[in-house]
Amino acid sequence: MLRRAIFTLLLLLFPLTADADDRRYDVPIGDAPQRGPADAPVTIIEFIDFQ
């Protein structure tokens, strides 16, 4: 129950919007091991707090 309250508070403070920076980069992986399809979509979300 506490987790749900914290999550709700975070959503109120930091709404999930896609209008922020929407840049895409190709990251070469070389010979690194991988699992799953090579063209699988990946989303990385960065939270920054400027104080």
Protein backbone atom coordinates (compact mmCIF):
# COMPACT_ATOMS: atom_id res chain seq x y z
CA MET A 1 0.00 0.00 0.00
CA LEU A 2 2.88 2.37 0.74
CA ARG A 3 4.45 1.58 -2.64
CA ARG A 4 1.20 2.49 -4.40
CA ALA A 5 1.01 5.80 -2.52
CA ILE A 6 4.62 6.64 -3.40
CA PHE A 7 4.07 5.71 -7.04
CA THR A 8 0.91 7.86 -7.19
CA LEU A 9 2.77 10.79 -5.64
CA LEU A 10 5.60 10.42 -8.17
CA LEU A 11 3.11 10.38 -11.05
CA LEU A 12 1.54 13.58 -9.73
CA LEU A 13 4.91 15.29 -9.39
CA PHE A 14 6.38 13.95 -12.63
CA PRO A 15 3.62 13.13 -15.14
CA LEU A 16 4.52 10.70 -17.92
CA THR A 17 4.63 12.84 -21.05
CA ALA A 18 6.21 12.11 -24.40
CA ASP A 19 6.69 15.76 -25.33
CA ALA A 20 10.13 15.92 -23.75
CA ASP A 21 13.29 15.27 -25.74
CA ASP A 22 12.52 12.48 -28.22
CA ARG A 23 15.95 11.81 -29.67
CA ARG A 24 16.91 8.33 -30.82
CA TYR A 25 20.41 6.91 -31.05
CA ASP A 26 21.83 3.74 -32.55
CA VAL A 27 24.15 2.15 -30.00
CA PRO A 28 26.64 -0.31 -31.51
CA ILE A 29 26.94 -3.52 -29.51
CA GLY A 30 29.77 -5.13 -31.46
CA ASP A 31 30.34 -8.73 -30.36
CA ALA A 32 28.47 -8.34 -27.06
CA PRO A 33 26.19 -11.26 -26.14
CA GLN A 34 22.49 -10.62 -26.53
CA ARG A 35 19.14 -12.37 -26.13
CA GLY A 36 15.93 -11.88 -28.03
CA PRO A 37 15.34 -10.30 -31.42
CA ALA A 38 17.95 -7.85 -32.68
CA ASP A 39 15.25 -5.33 -33.65
CA ALA A 40 13.41 -5.34 -30.30
CA PRO A 41 12.37 -1.81 -29.19
CA VAL A 42 14.03 -0.44 -26.05
CA THR A 43 12.97 2.65 -24.12
CA ILE A 44 15.35 4.34 -21.68
CA ILE A 45 13.82 6.91 -19.33
CA GLU A 46 16.09 9.34 -17.51
CA PHE A 47 14.89 11.18 -14.41
CA ILE A 48 16.84 14.35 -13.67
CA ASP A 49 16.44 16.64 -10.68
CA PHE A 50 17.93 20.11 -11.14
CA GLN A 51 18.39 21.79 -7.78
